[in-house]
């Protein structure tokens, strides 16, 4: 098969010409070749030279002009050129050998066949020649095209060896299956299950890179199902694994919270690309296993699972080496609040309840509503219709209350400095207590979110603390 028309690009021709000048066989390899067949856009092109890949990169850069820079990574034996939004990566063909204690291989120069054999999956083990005499010729020693046609993820060599050598490839198998909506071939799947415990030698950061790509996919539930089925989930996020299954007492069972969670995740993914909102969906019921209780009258209960789940998020993020910043706080907040819109709807959508929800959710109020709506997975259409009608009312009242009271991104109408000036006092706990009482009065609707009203009520409250305004204020 010849693909010369598909790769007939100026920079590819320059690579081919430089390779011919250096008398090096050179090939496009990996994801770019795969994506040509899948008709997926790609801005990264990997080149393998049977010989010195860095020398090839330098020659290519020289042909592109003095301003073209080569980034060389000698530790890895690779080089990179960025040009017009395209990244060209260069490496020499190599072979690898591993020790059981590490995923870092012993690397040495090799043939093209050895280089393709060391790759993770057959769909990534194809090469296209860029030399003038064979320009566009496809090399497919492991039938990657056939596997593309059948939507299969399969290793070029023995899968047990492949995954034991580099356990990150198990995560990549799941990620590719999720991104491409492919199946993991049976022997490959079984090998992942046998080698799942090896994932423990991979850094959390490398695992997170794959998890983020899974979460960014069109249907992230595919990846989490596969992680669960292969046993990888046990080592990556055991709290999520604990959601799986149904327990029955006196003939009464609860729903499978793992399946429910993944449905909620896909529901969110259908309407939002916000990766952290998707994480909130994945973790929204994370505390149900630790709060599960059977009551003879009520059946299965999960009291306060939202608040306990919120407290679990920092520990999970810390253990998984995920960012302990505003993203973590955002996820924790939404986990803690995810039941609030439904309770507000069921309680009659009072202004006070809306104000408090707007105050606590702040700028993330819309994301909270998306999560709450995604959380409705009941198979009872009457129940779903009623809840969604309530949500519609909640949304309308949110707009009306916010226009009137400006609660979202709330700032106290009387701040601490003004309180100190009014009463002539130094910083103390009383200032915070007064601010909290003013805030509660606004949220309850006792006064509007207005400076003059808040100042008047502040002076009333101050009597309880023995404070009187100084005369000059």
Protein backbone atom coordinates (compact mmCIF):
# COMPACT_ATOMS: atom_id res chain seq x y z
CA UNK A 1 0.00 0.00 0.00
CA UNK A 2 1.31 3.46 -0.90
CA UNK A 3 0.22 6.62 0.92
CA UNK A 4 2.37 9.18 -0.89
CA UNK A 5 -0.58 11.46 -1.60
CA UNK A 6 -1.53 11.46 2.10
CA UNK A 7 1.93 12.50 3.31
CA UNK A 8 2.96 14.76 0.42
CA UNK A 9 3.63 17.77 2.64
CA UNK A 10 6.56 20.22 2.39
CA UNK A 11 8.06 19.38 5.79
CA UNK A 12 7.72 15.62 5.18
CA UNK A 13 9.54 16.06 1.85
CA UNK A 14 12.29 18.00 3.67
CA UNK A 15 12.70 15.12 6.15
CA UNK A 16 12.92 12.66 3.28
CA UNK A 17 15.48 14.76 1.41
CA UNK A 18 17.63 15.19 4.54
CA UNK A 19 17.45 11.45 5.21
CA UNK A 20 18.55 10.67 1.66
CA UNK A 21 21.46 13.11 1.99
CA UNK A 22 22.55 11.37 5.21
CA UNK A 23 21.88 7.96 3.64
CA UNK A 24 19.45 7.08 6.46
CA UNK A 25 16.25 5.09 6.00
CA UNK A 26 13.52 7.24 7.63
CA UNK A 27 9.85 6.65 8.37
CA UNK A 28 6.76 8.28 9.81
CA UNK A 29 5.60 6.04 12.64
CA UNK A 30 3.03 5.71 15.40
CA UNK A 31 -0.07 7.78 16.00
CA UNK A 32 0.18 9.92 12.87
CA UNK A 33 0.01 6.80 10.67
CA UNK A 34 -2.90 5.42 12.68
CA UNK A 35 -4.79 8.69 12.50
CA UNK A 36 -4.39 8.88 8.72
CA UNK A 37 -6.54 5.77 8.43
CA UNK A 38 -8.97 7.00 11.07
CA UNK A 39 -9.17 10.40 9.34
CA UNK A 40 -8.34 12.14 12.60
CA UNK A 41 -6.39 15.41 12.51
CA UNK A 42 -2.92 15.29 14.02
CA UNK A 43 -0.33 18.01 14.58
CA UNK A 44 2.42 15.72 15.88
CA UNK A 45 4.50 13.62 13.51
CA UNK A 46 7.02 11.08 14.79
CA UNK A 47 9.94 10.12 12.55
CA UNK A 48 12.23 7.14 13.08
CA UNK A 49 15.61 7.02 11.42
CA UNK A 50 17.52 3.76 11.17
CA UNK A 51 20.59 5.47 12.52
CA UNK A 52 21.13 8.86 14.16
CA UNK A 53 17.73 10.52 14.67
CA UNK A 54 19.25 13.66 16.23
CA UNK A 55 21.52 14.17 13.22
CA UNK A 56 18.47 13.88 10.97
CA UNK A 57 16.63 16.51 13.03
CA UNK A 58 19.56 18.91 12.74
CA UNK A 59 19.74 18.44 8.99
CA UNK A 60 16.00 19.06 8.64
CA UNK A 61 16.21 22.22 10.74
CA UNK A 62 19.11 23.48 8.65
CA UNK A 63 17.03 23.04 5.49
CA UNK A 64 14.20 25.07 7.03
CA UNK A 65 16.30 28.20 7.68
CA UNK A 66 18.40 29.83 10.39
CA UNK A 67 15.42 30.60 12.65
CA UNK A 68 14.37 26.96 12.94
CA UNK A 69 15.31 25.62 16.35
CA UNK A 70 16.01 22.02 17.32
CA UNK A 71 15.23 20.93 20.89
CA UNK A 72 17.42 17.98 21.78
CA UNK A 73 16.68 15.59 24.64
CA UNK A 74 19.85 13.55 24.93
CA UNK A 75 18.60 11.51 27.88
CA UNK A 76 15.95 10.03 25.61
CA UNK A 77 17.88 10.25 22.37
CA UNK A 78 15.16 12.37 20.77
CA UNK A 79 14.89 15.75 19.07
CA UNK A 80 11.98 18.06 18.29
CA UNK A 81 11.25 20.77 15.74
CA UNK A 82 8.22 23.03 15.96
CA UNK A 83 7.14 24.69 12.73
CA UNK A 84 3.88 26.43 11.84
CA UNK A 85 1.85 24.70 14.54
CA UNK A 86 3.30 21.26 13.74
CA UNK A 87 5.62 19.28 16.02
CA UNK A 88 8.15 16.99 14.34
CA UNK A 89 9.74 14.41 16.65
CA UNK A 90 12.88 12.47 15.68
CA UNK A 91 14.47 9.38 17.17
CA UNK A 92 16.74 6.61 16.05
CA UNK A 93 15.31 3.09 15.65
CA UNK A 94 15.88 1.16 18.85
CA UNK A 95 15.21 -2.00 20.75
CA UNK A 96 14.44 -2.33 24.45
CA UNK A 97 14.92 -4.77 27.31
CA UNK A 98 13.39 -4.53 30.78
CA UNK A 99 14.01 -5.65 34.35
CA UNK A 100 11.05 -6.71 36.54
CA UNK A 101 11.62 -3.92 39.08
CA UNK A 102 11.34 -1.00 36.68
CA UNK A 103 9.39 0.27 33.68
CA UNK A 104 12.51 2.07 32.42
CA UNK A 105 14.05 -0.05 29.66
CA UNK A 106 17.62 -0.65 28.61
CA UNK A 107 17.68 0.99 25.18
CA UNK A 108 20.06 0.27 22.30
CA UNK A 109 20.15 0.89 18.56
CA UNK A 110 17.97 -1.45 16.55
CA UNK A 111 16.35 -2.15 13.23
CA UNK A 112 13.02 -0.75 12.08
CA UNK A 113 11.38 -4.14 12.73
CA UNK A 114 12.73 -4.14 16.29
CA UNK A 115 11.53 -0.57 16.77
CA UNK A 116 7.99 -1.37 15.61
CA UNK A 117 7.91 -4.56 17.68
CA UNK A 118 8.60 -2.61 20.90
CA UNK A 119 5.51 -0.41 20.40
CA UNK A 120 2.42 -0.79 22.53
CA UNK A 121 -0.29 -1.80 20.04
CA UNK A 122 -0.50 -3.00 16.46
CA UNK A 123 -2.41 0.11 15.40
CA UNK A 124 0.59 2.16 16.53
CA UNK A 125 3.19 -0.17 14.97
CA UNK A 126 2.93 0.92 11.33
CA UNK A 127 5.45 3.01 9.39
CA UNK A 128 5.49 5.02 6.16
CA UNK A 129 8.74 5.56 4.27
CA UNK A 130 9.77 9.16 3.50
CA UNK A 131 12.88 8.36 1.43
CA UNK A 132 12.56 9.40 -2.21
CA UNK A 133 12.81 5.92 -3.69
CA UNK A 134 10.11 4.43 -1.46
CA UNK A 135 8.16 7.57 -0.53
CA UNK A 136 4.72 6.68 0.86
CA UNK A 137 5.24 2.91 1.14
CA UNK A 138 3.49 1.43 4.19
CA UNK A 139 5.11 -1.15 6.44
CA UNK A 140 2.59 -3.03 8.58
CA UNK A 141 4.35 -6.10 10.06
CA UNK A 142 1.69 -6.75 12.73
CA UNK A 143 -1.49 -6.23 10.67
CA UNK A 144 -2.39 -2.93 12.30
CA UNK A 145 -4.69 -2.04 9.39
CA UNK A 146 -6.71 -5.20 9.98
CA UNK A 147 -7.05 -4.32 13.66
CA UNK A 148 -8.11 -0.78 12.74
CA UNK A 149 -10.76 -2.24 10.49
CA UNK A 150 -12.03 -4.47 13.30
CA UNK A 151 -11.71 -1.73 15.97
CA UNK A 152 -9.29 -3.82 18.04
CA UNK A 153 -6.60 -2.93 20.56
CA UNK A 154 -3.97 -5.68 20.41
CA UNK A 155 -0.28 -5.88 21.33
CA UNK A 156 2.29 -6.69 18.61
CA UNK A 157 4.06 -9.25 20.80
CA UNK A 158 3.05 -11.41 23.78
CA UNK A 159 0.73 -9.18 25.86
CA UNK A 160 1.97 -10.50 29.21
CA UNK A 161 5.49 -9.46 28.31
CA UNK A 162 4.31 -6.16 26.89
CA UNK A 163 2.39 -5.17 30.03
CA UNK A 164 4.85 -6.59 32.55
CA UNK A 165 7.66 -4.70 30.86
CA UNK A 166 5.79 -1.39 30.79
CA UNK A 167 2.59 -1.43 32.88
CA UNK A 168 1.60 2.05 31.67
CA UNK A 169 0.62 0.33 28.42
CA UNK A 170 -2.35 -1.18 30.26
CA UNK A 171 -3.63 2.33 30.94
CA UNK A 172 -2.95 3.28 27.32
CA UNK A 173 -4.99 0.29 26.13
CA UNK A 174 -7.94 1.51 28.17
CA UNK A 175 -7.42 5.08 27.01
CA UNK A 176 -7.28 4.17 23.31
CA UNK A 177 -10.34 1.93 23.67
CA UNK A 178 -12.17 4.89 25.22
CA UNK A 179 -11.01 7.56 22.78
CA UNK A 180 -11.53 5.45 19.65
CA UNK A 181 -14.50 3.40 20.89
CA UNK A 182 -12.47 0.25 20.16
CA UNK A 183 -12.49 -3.16 21.83
CA UNK A 184 -9.52 -4.63 23.69
CA UNK A 185 -8.73 -7.98 22.04
CA UNK A 186 -9.49 -10.94 24.31
CA UNK A 187 -5.92 -12.16 24.98
CA UNK A 188 -4.77 -8.58 25.48
CA UNK A 189 -7.65 -7.96 27.92
CA UNK A 190 -6.85 -11.11 29.89
CA UNK A 191 -3.19 -10.11 30.11
CA UNK A 192 -4.14 -6.73 31.56
CA UNK A 193 -6.15 -8.52 34.25
CA UNK A 194 -3.24 -10.81 35.05
CA UNK A 195 -0.77 -7.93 35.25
CA UNK A 196 -3.00 -5.29 36.87
CA UNK A 197 -0.97 -5.20 40.10
CA UNK A 198 2.09 -4.08 38.10
CA UNK A 199 0.45 -0.65 37.69
CA UNK A 200 1.74 0.09 41.20
CA UNK A 201 5.26 0.75 39.85
CA UNK A 202 3.96 3.56 37.61
CA UNK A 203 4.01 7.08 39.00
CA UNK A 204 0.68 8.66 39.85
CA UNK A 205 1.51 11.53 37.49
CA UNK A 206 1.81 9.17 34.49
CA UNK A 207 -1.42 7.45 35.44
CA UNK A 208 -3.18 10.80 35.78
CA UNK A 209 -2.13 11.77 32.25
CA UNK A 210 -4.03 8.76 30.93
CA UNK A 211 -6.99 9.33 33.25
CA UNK A 212 -7.33 12.92 32.03
CA UNK A 213 -7.44 11.71 28.43
CA UNK A 214 -10.10 9.17 29.39
CA UNK A 215 -12.11 11.88 31.12
CA UNK A 216 -11.86 14.16 28.08
CA UNK A 217 -13.30 11.46 25.78
CA UNK A 218 -16.79 11.56 24.35
CA UNK A 219 -17.94 8.68 26.61
CA UNK A 220 -15.55 8.50 29.56
CA UNK A 221 -17.60 5.71 31.15
CA UNK A 222 -16.04 3.26 28.67
CA UNK A 223 -12.64 3.76 30.28
CA UNK A 224 -13.86 3.47 33.86
CA UNK A 225 -15.80 0.31 33.03
CA UNK A 226 -12.64 -1.20 31.53
CA UNK A 227 -10.52 -0.13 34.50
CA UNK A 228 -13.03 -1.90 36.74
CA UNK A 229 -13.33 -5.04 34.60
CA UNK A 230 -9.56 -5.48 34.30
CA UNK A 231 -8.88 -4.95 38.00
CA UNK A 232 -6.83 -1.78 37.44
CA UNK A 233 -9.39 0.33 39.29
CA UNK A 234 -8.56 -1.47 42.54
CA UNK A 235 -5.07 0.04 42.44
CA UNK A 236 -6.00 3.43 41.00
CA UNK A 237 -9.18 4.54 42.78
CA UNK A 238 -10.43 1.88 45.22
CA UNK A 239 -13.09 4.25 46.60
CA UNK A 240 -14.78 4.17 43.20
CA UNK A 241 -14.50 0.40 42.98
CA UNK A 242 -16.29 0.19 46.35
CA UNK A 243 -19.40 1.68 44.74
CA UNK A 244 -19.87 -1.44 42.62
CA UNK A 245 -22.45 -4.09 43.42
CA UNK A 246 -25.83 -4.38 45.09
CA UNK A 247 -26.47 -5.51 48.66
CA UNK A 248 -29.85 -6.98 49.57
CA UNK A 249 -31.49 -7.23 53.02
CA UNK A 250 -35.02 -8.52 53.58
CA UNK A 251 -35.49 -8.61 49.83
CA UNK A 252 -34.68 -4.92 49.47
CA UNK A 253 -31.63 -3.87 47.49
CA UNK A 254 -30.13 -0.51 46.60
CA UNK A 255 -29.09 0.48 43.08
CA UNK A 256 -25.60 -0.27 41.79
CA UNK A 257 -23.96 3.05 42.60
CA UNK A 258 -20.99 2.38 40.31
CA UNK A 259 -23.24 1.98 37.27
CA UNK A 260 -25.25 5.01 38.34
CA UNK A 261 -22.08 7.08 38.73
CA UNK A 262 -20.86 6.26 35.24
CA UNK A 263 -24.25 7.16 33.79
CA UNK A 264 -24.07 10.51 35.58
CA UNK A 265 -20.56 11.01 34.21
CA UNK A 266 -21.71 10.40 30.63
CA UNK A 267 -24.73 12.64 31.17
CA UNK A 268 -22.40 15.48 32.15
CA UNK A 269 -20.00 14.70 29.29
CA UNK A 270 -22.84 15.07 26.78
CA UNK A 271 -23.36 18.71 27.73
CA UNK A 272 -20.01 19.93 29.09
CA UNK A 273 -16.32 19.67 28.20
CA UNK A 274 -15.34 20.95 31.67
CA UNK A 275 -12.94 18.23 32.82
CA UNK A 276 -13.32 19.13 36.50
CA UNK A 277 -17.11 19.05 36.32
CA UNK A 278 -16.69 15.54 34.92
CA UNK A 279 -14.48 14.65 37.90
CA UNK A 280 -17.18 16.01 40.21
CA UNK A 281 -19.68 13.73 38.48
CA UNK A 282 -17.37 10.73 38.90
CA UNK A 283 -16.86 11.42 42.61
CA UNK A 284 -20.27 12.82 43.56
CA UNK A 285 -21.37 9.63 45.39
CA UNK A 286 -17.91 8.55 46.51
CA UNK A 287 -18.95 8.40 50.19
CA UNK A 288 -21.96 6.12 49.70
CA UNK A 289 -20.07 2.93 50.65
CA UNK A 290 -18.98 4.44 53.99
CA UNK A 291 -22.42 5.90 54.78
CA UNK A 292 -24.56 2.96 53.65
CA UNK A 293 -27.02 1.77 56.30
CA UNK A 294 -30.09 -0.43 56.26
CA UNK A 295 -33.14 0.72 58.23
CA UNK A 296 -36.15 -1.60 58.57
CA UNK A 297 -38.55 1.30 57.98
CA UNK A 298 -36.61 3.44 55.51
CA UNK A 299 -34.67 0.76 53.64
CA UNK A 300 -31.20 1.69 52.42
CA UNK A 301 -29.93 5.11 53.43
CA UNK A 302 -26.76 7.09 52.69
CA UNK A 303 -27.14 9.97 55.14
CA UNK A 304 -24.75 12.89 54.65
CA UNK A 305 -22.85 11.11 51.87
CA UNK A 306 -22.55 14.45 50.08
CA UNK A 307 -20.84 16.21 53.00
CA UNK A 308 -18.62 13.25 53.86
CA UNK A 309 -17.75 12.90 50.17
CA UNK A 310 -16.71 16.55 50.10
CA UNK A 311 -14.27 15.87 52.95
CA UNK A 312 -12.87 12.83 51.11
CA UNK A 313 -11.92 14.76 47.98
CA UNK A 314 -8.71 16.41 49.31
CA UNK A 315 -7.41 13.06 50.54
CA UNK A 316 -8.18 11.37 47.21
CA UNK A 317 -6.57 14.18 45.22
CA UNK A 318 -3.50 14.13 47.46
CA UNK A 319 -3.02 10.38 47.19
CA UNK A 320 -3.50 10.44 43.42
CA UNK A 321 -1.09 13.39 43.04
CA UNK A 322 -3.83 15.49 41.47
CA UNK A 323 -3.74 19.29 41.81
CA UNK A 324 -4.46 20.54 45.33
CA UNK A 325 -5.62 23.92 44.10
CA UNK A 326 -8.82 25.62 42.97
CA UNK A 327 -9.70 22.56 40.85
CA UNK A 328 -9.73 20.33 43.92
CA UNK A 329 -11.78 22.90 45.84
CA UNK A 330 -14.24 23.14 42.93
CA UNK A 331 -14.74 19.37 42.81
CA UNK A 332 -15.14 19.14 46.59
CA UNK A 333 -17.68 21.98 46.61
CA UNK A 334 -19.83 20.41 43.91
CA UNK A 335 -19.70 17.00 45.60
CA UNK A 336 -20.89 18.65 48.82
CA UNK A 337 -23.68 20.57 47.08
CA UNK A 338 -24.83 18.06 44.46
CA UNK A 339 -28.09 17.25 46.28
CA UNK A 340 -29.00 20.86 47.01
CA UNK A 341 -30.95 21.71 43.81
CA UNK A 342 -33.22 18.70 44.25
CA UNK A 343 -33.91 19.49 47.91
CA UNK A 344 -34.60 23.14 47.03
CA UNK A 345 -37.06 22.01 44.35
CA UNK A 346 -38.81 19.61 46.68
CA UNK A 347 -39.12 22.22 49.44
CA UNK A 348 -41.02 24.71 47.31
CA UNK A 349 -38.21 26.86 45.84
CA UNK A 350 -38.26 29.55 48.53
CA UNK A 351 -36.25 32.72 48.02
CA UNK A 352 -34.24 31.96 51.14
CA UNK A 353 -33.24 28.50 49.86
CA UNK A 354 -32.31 29.94 46.46
CA UNK A 355 -30.21 32.67 48.07
CA UNK A 356 -28.31 30.16 50.18
CA UNK A 357 -27.66 27.89 47.20
CA UNK A 358 -26.44 30.83 45.11
CA UNK A 359 -24.24 31.97 47.97
CA UNK A 360 -22.62 28.56 48.49
CA UNK A 361 -22.24 27.66 44.80
CA UNK A 362 -21.21 31.17 43.76
CA UNK A 363 -19.84 31.34 40.21
CA UNK A 364 -20.33 27.57 39.88
CA UNK A 365 -24.12 27.66 40.20
CA UNK A 366 -24.70 26.66 36.57
CA UNK A 367 -22.26 23.75 36.86
CA UNK A 368 -24.08 22.63 40.01
CA UNK A 369 -27.37 22.56 38.10
CA UNK A 370 -25.77 20.56 35.27
CA UNK A 371 -24.49 18.01 37.80
CA UNK A 372 -27.84 17.83 39.61
CA UNK A 373 -29.74 17.27 36.36
CA UNK A 374 -27.24 14.62 35.24
CA UNK A 375 -27.75 12.85 38.59
CA UNK A 376 -31.36 11.98 37.71
CA UNK A 377 -31.05 8.46 36.31
CA UNK A 378 -34.32 6.94 37.52
CA UNK A 379 -36.11 4.62 35.10
CA UNK A 380 -39.45 5.98 36.36
CA UNK A 381 -40.48 8.58 33.73
CA UNK A 382 -43.07 10.17 36.02
CA UNK A 383 -40.48 10.73 38.75
CA UNK A 384 -37.93 12.09 36.27
CA UNK A 385 -40.45 14.48 34.73
CA UNK A 386 -41.45 15.84 38.15
CA UNK A 387 -37.84 16.38 39.28
CA UNK A 388 -36.87 18.08 36.02
CA UNK A 389 -39.92 20.33 36.27
CA UNK A 390 -38.76 21.32 39.76
CA UNK A 391 -35.29 22.00 38.37
CA UNK A 392 -36.82 24.25 35.72
CA UNK A 393 -38.50 26.23 38.47
CA UNK A 394 -35.25 26.38 40.44
CA UNK A 395 -33.41 27.75 37.40
CA UNK A 396 -36.03 30.45 36.84
CA UNK A 397 -35.99 31.50 40.47
CA UNK A 398 -32.17 31.57 40.46
CA UNK A 399 -32.26 34.18 37.71
CA UNK A 400 -34.95 36.23 39.44
CA UNK A 401 -33.35 36.15 42.89
CA UNK A 402 -29.89 36.94 41.53
CA UNK A 403 -31.20 39.95 39.61
CA UNK A 404 -32.85 41.22 42.77
CA UNK A 405 -30.37 40.29 45.50
CA UNK A 406 -26.98 39.84 43.73
CA UNK A 407 -26.03 36.85 45.89
CA UNK A 408 -23.79 35.05 43.42
CA UNK A 409 -20.16 36.07 44.17
CA UNK A 410 -21.51 37.68 47.36
CA UNK A 411 -19.46 40.43 49.00
CA UNK A 412 -20.52 41.80 52.42
CA UNK A 413 -22.21 45.22 51.96
CA UNK A 414 -20.49 46.34 55.18
CA UNK A 415 -16.89 45.17 55.44
CA UNK A 416 -14.58 44.79 58.42
CA UNK A 417 -12.86 48.12 57.99
CA UNK A 418 -16.16 49.98 58.05
CA UNK A 419 -17.27 48.08 61.15
CA UNK A 420 -14.06 49.04 62.95
CA UNK A 421 -14.52 52.67 61.90
CA UNK A 422 -18.18 52.80 62.97
CA UNK A 423 -17.50 51.50 66.46
CA UNK A 424 -13.91 52.61 66.91
CA UNK A 425 -12.63 49.11 67.62
CA UNK A 426 -9.52 47.12 66.71
CA UNK A 427 -9.61 43.79 64.81
CA UNK A 428 -11.38 41.13 66.88
CA UNK A 429 -13.71 38.12 66.66
CA UNK A 430 -16.79 40.33 67.09
CA UNK A 431 -16.26 41.79 63.61
CA UNK A 432 -16.57 38.35 62.01
CA UNK A 433 -19.64 37.55 64.10
CA UNK A 434 -21.35 40.78 63.03
CA UNK A 435 -20.55 40.12 59.38
CA UNK A 436 -21.98 36.60 59.66
CA UNK A 437 -25.21 37.91 61.22
CA UNK A 438 -25.60 40.47 58.43
CA UNK A 439 -24.98 37.75 55.85
CA UNK A 440 -27.58 35.47 57.44
CA UNK A 441 -30.11 38.32 57.52
CA UNK A 442 -29.60 38.92 53.80
CA UNK A 443 -29.86 35.21 52.94
CA UNK A 444 -33.02 34.89 55.03
CA UNK A 445 -34.54 37.89 53.26
CA UNK A 446 -34.83 39.99 56.40
CA UNK A 447 -33.02 42.85 54.64
CA UNK A 448 -32.01 43.43 51.01
CA UNK A 449 -28.38 43.06 49.91
CA UNK A 450 -27.92 46.81 50.35
CA UNK A 451 -25.34 48.89 52.21
CA UNK A 452 -27.72 51.24 54.05
CA UNK A 453 -30.01 48.44 55.21
CA UNK A 454 -27.04 46.34 56.31
CA UNK A 455 -25.50 49.29 58.22
CA UNK A 456 -28.76 49.99 60.05
CA UNK A 457 -29.13 46.33 61.09
CA UNK A 458 -25.46 46.22 62.06
CA UNK A 459 -26.01 48.98 64.61
CA UNK A 460 -28.97 47.03 66.04
CA UNK A 461 -26.85 43.88 66.37
CA UNK A 462 -23.96 45.81 67.93
CA UNK A 463 -26.01 46.42 71.08
CA UNK A 464 -25.68 42.70 71.88
CA UNK A 465 -21.89 43.17 72.07
CA UNK A 466 -22.00 46.44 74.04
CA UNK A 467 -20.88 48.47 71.01
CA UNK A 468 -22.07 51.97 70.13
CA UNK A 469 -21.11 54.04 67.07
CA UNK A 470 -18.44 56.67 67.65
CA UNK A 471 -19.76 60.22 67.17
CA UNK A 472 -17.64 61.21 64.20
CA UNK A 473 -18.96 58.38 61.98
